[in-house]
Amino acid sequence: MLAHHWHKLGLNLSAEDFTDAEAVAAVARITGGNFRLIQRLFAQIQRVLEINELRTVTREVVETARETLVHRLTQHASERSKICATYC
């Protein structure tokens, strides 16, 4: 499944490459295998790669994508709380 996501980014996943193995371990640790979370994380990974003009998924890229994802999810939860407090 992760090879598919790497391919969608235009990259190849190599089990022998230390950088790829480290990035895969970070994805596994962060997502716990949750498919929906993997999709969301890879959307953010793509964004990080594009913004920073990078061509390699590294542990640092995965961690940055996670931070962005957590920030966005926290922001949405805060907005929902405000709406509920106003209208519930």
N, C-alpha and C. Protein backbone atom coordinates (compact mmCIF):
# COMPACT_ATOMS: atom_id res chain seq x y z
N MET A 1 0.82 -1.19 0.00
CA MET A 1 0.00 0.00 0.00
C MET A 1 0.87 1.27 0.00
N LEU A 2 1.93 1.26 0.80
CA LEU A 2 2.79 2.45 0.84
C LEU A 2 3.51 2.65 -0.49
N ALA A 3 3.87 1.56 -1.16
CA ALA A 3 4.50 1.68 -2.47
C ALA A 3 3.57 2.40 -3.44
N HIS A 4 2.27 2.13 -3.32
CA HIS A 4 1.27 2.80 -4.15
C HIS A 4 1.29 4.31 -3.89
N HIS A 5 1.35 4.70 -2.62
CA HIS A 5 1.38 6.12 -2.29
C HIS A 5 2.67 6.78 -2.78
N TRP A 6 3.78 6.07 -2.66
CA TRP A 6 5.06 6.60 -3.17
C TRP A 6 4.93 6.81 -4.68
N HIS A 7 4.35 5.82 -5.36
CA HIS A 7 4.19 5.89 -6.81
C HIS A 7 3.32 7.09 -7.21
N LYS A 8 2.24 7.35 -6.44
CA LYS A 8 1.37 8.49 -6.73
C LYS A 8 2.13 9.80 -6.60
N LEU A 9 3.19 9.81 -5.80
CA LEU A 9 4.03 11.00 -5.65
C LEU A 9 5.08 11.08 -6.76
N GLY A 10 5.10 10.07 -7.62
CA GLY A 10 6.08 10.04 -8.71
C GLY A 10 7.43 9.51 -8.24
N LEU A 11 7.43 8.77 -7.14
CA LEU A 11 8.66 8.25 -6.57
C LEU A 11 8.61 6.73 -6.48
N ASN A 12 9.76 6.12 -6.31
CA ASN A 12 9.83 4.67 -6.12
C ASN A 12 10.24 4.39 -4.68
N LEU A 13 9.57 3.42 -4.09
CA LEU A 13 9.89 2.99 -2.73
C LEU A 13 10.85 1.82 -2.81
N SER A 14 11.98 1.94 -2.13
CA SER A 14 12.97 0.89 -2.14
C SER A 14 13.21 0.40 -0.71
N ALA A 15 12.98 -0.88 -0.48
CA ALA A 15 13.18 -1.46 0.85
C ALA A 15 14.65 -1.41 1.26
N GLU A 16 15.56 -1.38 0.29
CA GLU A 16 16.99 -1.36 0.58
C GLU A 16 17.49 0.04 0.92
N ASP A 17 16.73 1.06 0.57
CA ASP A 17 17.15 2.44 0.81
C ASP A 17 16.86 2.82 2.26
N PHE A 18 17.90 3.24 2.98
CA PHE A 18 17.74 3.57 4.40
C PHE A 18 16.75 4.71 4.60
N THR A 19 16.79 5.73 3.75
CA THR A 19 15.88 6.87 3.88
C THR A 19 14.44 6.43 3.71
N ASP A 20 14.18 5.58 2.72
CA ASP A 20 12.82 5.06 2.52
C ASP A 20 12.37 4.22 3.71
N ALA A 21 13.26 3.35 4.19
CA ALA A 21 12.92 2.50 5.34
C ALA A 21 12.60 3.34 6.57
N GLU A 22 13.35 4.40 6.78
CA GLU A 22 13.11 5.29 7.92
C GLU A 22 11.77 6.02 7.76
N ALA A 23 11.46 6.46 6.55
CA ALA A 23 10.19 7.14 6.29
C ALA A 23 9.01 6.17 6.46
N VAL A 24 9.16 4.94 5.98
CA VAL A 24 8.10 3.94 6.14
C VAL A 24 7.86 3.66 7.62
N ALA A 25 8.92 3.55 8.40
CA ALA A 25 8.78 3.32 9.84
C ALA A 25 8.04 4.47 10.50
N ALA A 26 8.34 5.70 10.08
CA ALA A 26 7.65 6.88 10.64
C ALA A 26 6.17 6.85 10.27
N VAL A 27 5.86 6.51 9.03
CA VAL A 27 4.45 6.42 8.61
C VAL A 27 3.72 5.36 9.43
N ALA A 28 4.34 4.21 9.60
CA ALA A 28 3.72 3.12 10.37
C ALA A 28 3.50 3.54 11.82
N ARG A 29 4.48 4.20 12.41
CA ARG A 29 4.37 4.63 13.79
C ARG A 29 3.25 5.66 13.96
N ILE A 30 3.17 6.60 13.04
CA ILE A 30 2.20 7.70 13.14
C ILE A 30 0.78 7.21 12.87
N THR A 31 0.61 6.35 11.88
CA THR A 31 -0.74 5.96 11.45
C THR A 31 -1.26 4.69 12.12
N GLY A 32 -0.36 3.86 12.60
CA GLY A 32 -0.78 2.60 13.18
C GLY A 32 -1.53 1.72 12.18
N GLY A 33 -1.31 1.94 10.89
CA GLY A 33 -1.96 1.15 9.86
C GLY A 33 -3.36 1.62 9.49
N ASN A 34 -3.81 2.72 10.06
CA ASN A 34 -5.14 3.26 9.77
C ASN A 34 -5.15 3.82 8.34
N PHE A 35 -5.91 3.16 7.46
CA PHE A 35 -5.89 3.52 6.04
C PHE A 35 -6.31 4.97 5.79
N ARG A 36 -7.31 5.41 6.47
CA ARG A 36 -7.78 6.79 6.28
C ARG A 36 -6.71 7.79 6.70
N LEU A 37 -6.06 7.49 7.82
CA LEU A 37 -4.99 8.37 8.30
C LEU A 37 -3.79 8.34 7.37
N ILE A 38 -3.51 7.18 6.78
CA ILE A 38 -2.42 7.08 5.80
C ILE A 38 -2.72 7.99 4.61
N GLN A 39 -3.96 7.97 4.13
CA GLN A 39 -4.33 8.83 3.01
C GLN A 39 -4.18 10.31 3.36
N ARG A 40 -4.64 10.68 4.53
CA ARG A 40 -4.52 12.07 4.95
C ARG A 40 -3.06 12.49 5.12
N LEU A 41 -2.28 11.59 5.70
CA LEU A 41 -0.86 11.89 5.90
C LEU A 41 -0.16 12.06 4.57
N PHE A 42 -0.46 11.19 3.59
CA PHE A 42 0.20 11.31 2.30
C PHE A 42 -0.25 12.55 1.53
N ALA A 43 -1.44 13.02 1.75
CA ALA A 43 -1.86 14.29 1.15
C ALA A 43 -0.98 15.42 1.69
N GLN A 44 -0.68 15.36 2.98
CA GLN A 44 0.18 16.37 3.58
C GLN A 44 1.64 16.19 3.16
N ILE A 45 2.07 14.94 3.01
CA ILE A 45 3.43 14.68 2.52
C ILE A 45 3.61 15.28 1.14
N GLN A 46 2.62 15.09 0.27
CA GLN A 46 2.68 15.66 -1.08
C GLN A 46 2.79 17.18 -1.00
N ARG A 47 2.01 17.76 -0.12
CA ARG A 47 2.03 19.22 0.06
C ARG A 47 3.42 19.71 0.52
N VAL A 48 3.99 19.02 1.50
CA VAL A 48 5.32 19.38 2.01
C VAL A 48 6.37 19.26 0.91
N LEU A 49 6.30 18.17 0.14
CA LEU A 49 7.25 17.99 -0.96
C LEU A 49 7.14 19.12 -1.98
N GLU A 50 5.91 19.46 -2.36
CA GLU A 50 5.71 20.51 -3.37
C GLU A 50 6.17 21.87 -2.87
N ILE A 51 5.76 22.23 -1.66
CA ILE A 51 6.11 23.55 -1.11
C ILE A 51 7.62 23.73 -1.01
N ASN A 52 8.29 22.66 -0.59
CA ASN A 52 9.74 22.74 -0.36
C ASN A 52 10.56 22.26 -1.55
N GLU A 53 9.88 21.94 -2.66
CA GLU A 53 10.53 21.49 -3.89
C GLU A 53 11.47 20.32 -3.62
N LEU A 54 10.96 19.33 -2.90
CA LEU A 54 11.73 18.14 -2.56
C LEU A 54 11.32 16.97 -3.45
N ARG A 55 12.21 16.00 -3.60
CA ARG A 55 11.93 14.82 -4.42
C ARG A 55 12.11 13.52 -3.64
N THR A 56 12.28 13.62 -2.32
CA THR A 56 12.49 12.43 -1.50
C THR A 56 11.63 12.50 -0.25
N VAL A 57 10.94 11.40 0.05
CA VAL A 57 10.18 11.31 1.29
C VAL A 57 11.15 10.83 2.37
N THR A 58 11.40 11.69 3.34
CA THR A 58 12.29 11.36 4.44
C THR A 58 11.49 11.32 5.74
N ARG A 59 12.13 10.87 6.79
CA ARG A 59 11.49 10.87 8.11
C ARG A 59 11.08 12.29 8.47
N GLU A 60 11.92 13.26 8.16
CA GLU A 60 11.63 14.65 8.47
C GLU A 60 10.41 15.16 7.70
N VAL A 61 10.28 14.75 6.44
CA VAL A 61 9.12 15.15 5.65
C VAL A 61 7.85 14.54 6.26
N VAL A 62 7.92 13.27 6.66
CA VAL A 62 6.77 12.61 7.27
C VAL A 62 6.39 13.30 8.58
N GLU A 63 7.38 13.63 9.40
CA GLU A 63 7.12 14.30 10.69
C GLU A 63 6.51 15.68 10.47
N THR A 64 7.01 16.41 9.48
CA THR A 64 6.46 17.73 9.17
C THR A 64 5.02 17.60 8.69
N ALA A 65 4.74 16.60 7.86
CA ALA A 65 3.38 16.36 7.38
C ALA A 65 2.47 16.03 8.55
N ARG A 66 2.96 15.24 9.50
CA ARG A 66 2.17 14.89 10.69
C ARG A 66 1.85 16.13 11.49
N GLU A 67 2.83 16.99 11.70
CA GLU A 67 2.60 18.22 12.46
C GLU A 67 1.55 19.09 11.78
N THR A 68 1.64 19.20 10.48
CA THR A 68 0.66 19.98 9.72
C THR A 68 -0.73 19.37 9.83
N LEU A 69 -0.79 18.05 9.73
CA LEU A 69 -2.07 17.35 9.84
C LEU A 69 -2.67 17.53 11.22
N VAL A 70 -1.88 17.38 12.27
CA VAL A 70 -2.37 17.56 13.64
C VAL A 70 -2.86 18.98 13.84
N HIS A 71 -2.12 19.95 13.33
CA HIS A 71 -2.52 21.36 13.45
C HIS A 71 -3.85 21.60 12.76
N ARG A 72 -4.02 21.06 11.55
CA ARG A 72 -5.27 21.25 10.81
C ARG A 72 -6.44 20.57 11.50
N LEU A 73 -6.22 19.35 12.02
CA LEU A 73 -7.29 18.64 12.72
C LEU A 73 -7.68 19.37 14.01
N THR A 74 -6.69 19.89 14.73
CA THR A 74 -6.95 20.63 15.96
C THR A 74 -7.72 21.91 15.64
N GLN A 75 -7.33 22.57 14.57
CA GLN A 75 -8.00 23.80 14.15
C GLN A 75 -9.46 23.52 13.80
N HIS A 76 -9.73 22.44 13.07
CA HIS A 76 -11.10 22.10 12.70
C HIS A 76 -11.93 21.75 13.93
N ALA A 77 -11.33 21.03 14.86
CA ALA A 77 -12.05 20.65 16.09
C ALA A 77 -12.40 21.90 16.89
N SER A 78 -11.50 22.85 16.93
CA SER A 78 -11.75 24.10 17.65
C SER A 78 -12.89 24.88 17.00
N GLU A 79 -12.91 24.91 15.69
CA GLU A 79 -13.98 25.61 14.97
C GLU A 79 -15.33 24.93 15.22
N ARG A 80 -15.35 23.60 15.23
CA ARG A 80 -16.60 22.87 15.50
C ARG A 80 -17.09 23.14 16.92
N SER A 81 -16.18 23.22 17.86
CA SER A 81 -16.55 23.51 19.25
C SER A 81 -17.20 24.88 19.37
N LYS A 82 -16.65 25.86 18.67
CA LYS A 82 -17.20 27.21 18.70
C LYS A 82 -18.63 27.24 18.10
N ILE A 83 -18.80 26.53 17.01
CA ILE A 83 -20.11 26.47 16.38
C ILE A 83 -21.11 25.78 17.30
N CYS A 84 -20.70 24.68 17.90
CA CYS A 84 -21.59 23.95 18.80
C CYS A 84 -21.93 24.80 20.02
N ALA A 85 -20.95 25.51 20.54
CA ALA A 85 -21.22 26.36 21.71
C ALA A 85 -22.21 27.46 21.38
N THR A 86 -22.19 27.90 20.14
CA THR A 86 -23.08 28.98 19.72
C THR A 86 -24.48 28.47 19.41
N TYR A 87 -24.57 27.31 18.75
CA TYR A 87 -25.85 26.85 18.24
C TYR A 87 -26.43 25.63 18.93
N CYS A 88 -25.69 24.97 19.79
CA CYS A 88 -26.19 23.75 20.43
C CYS A 88 -26.95 24.05 21.70
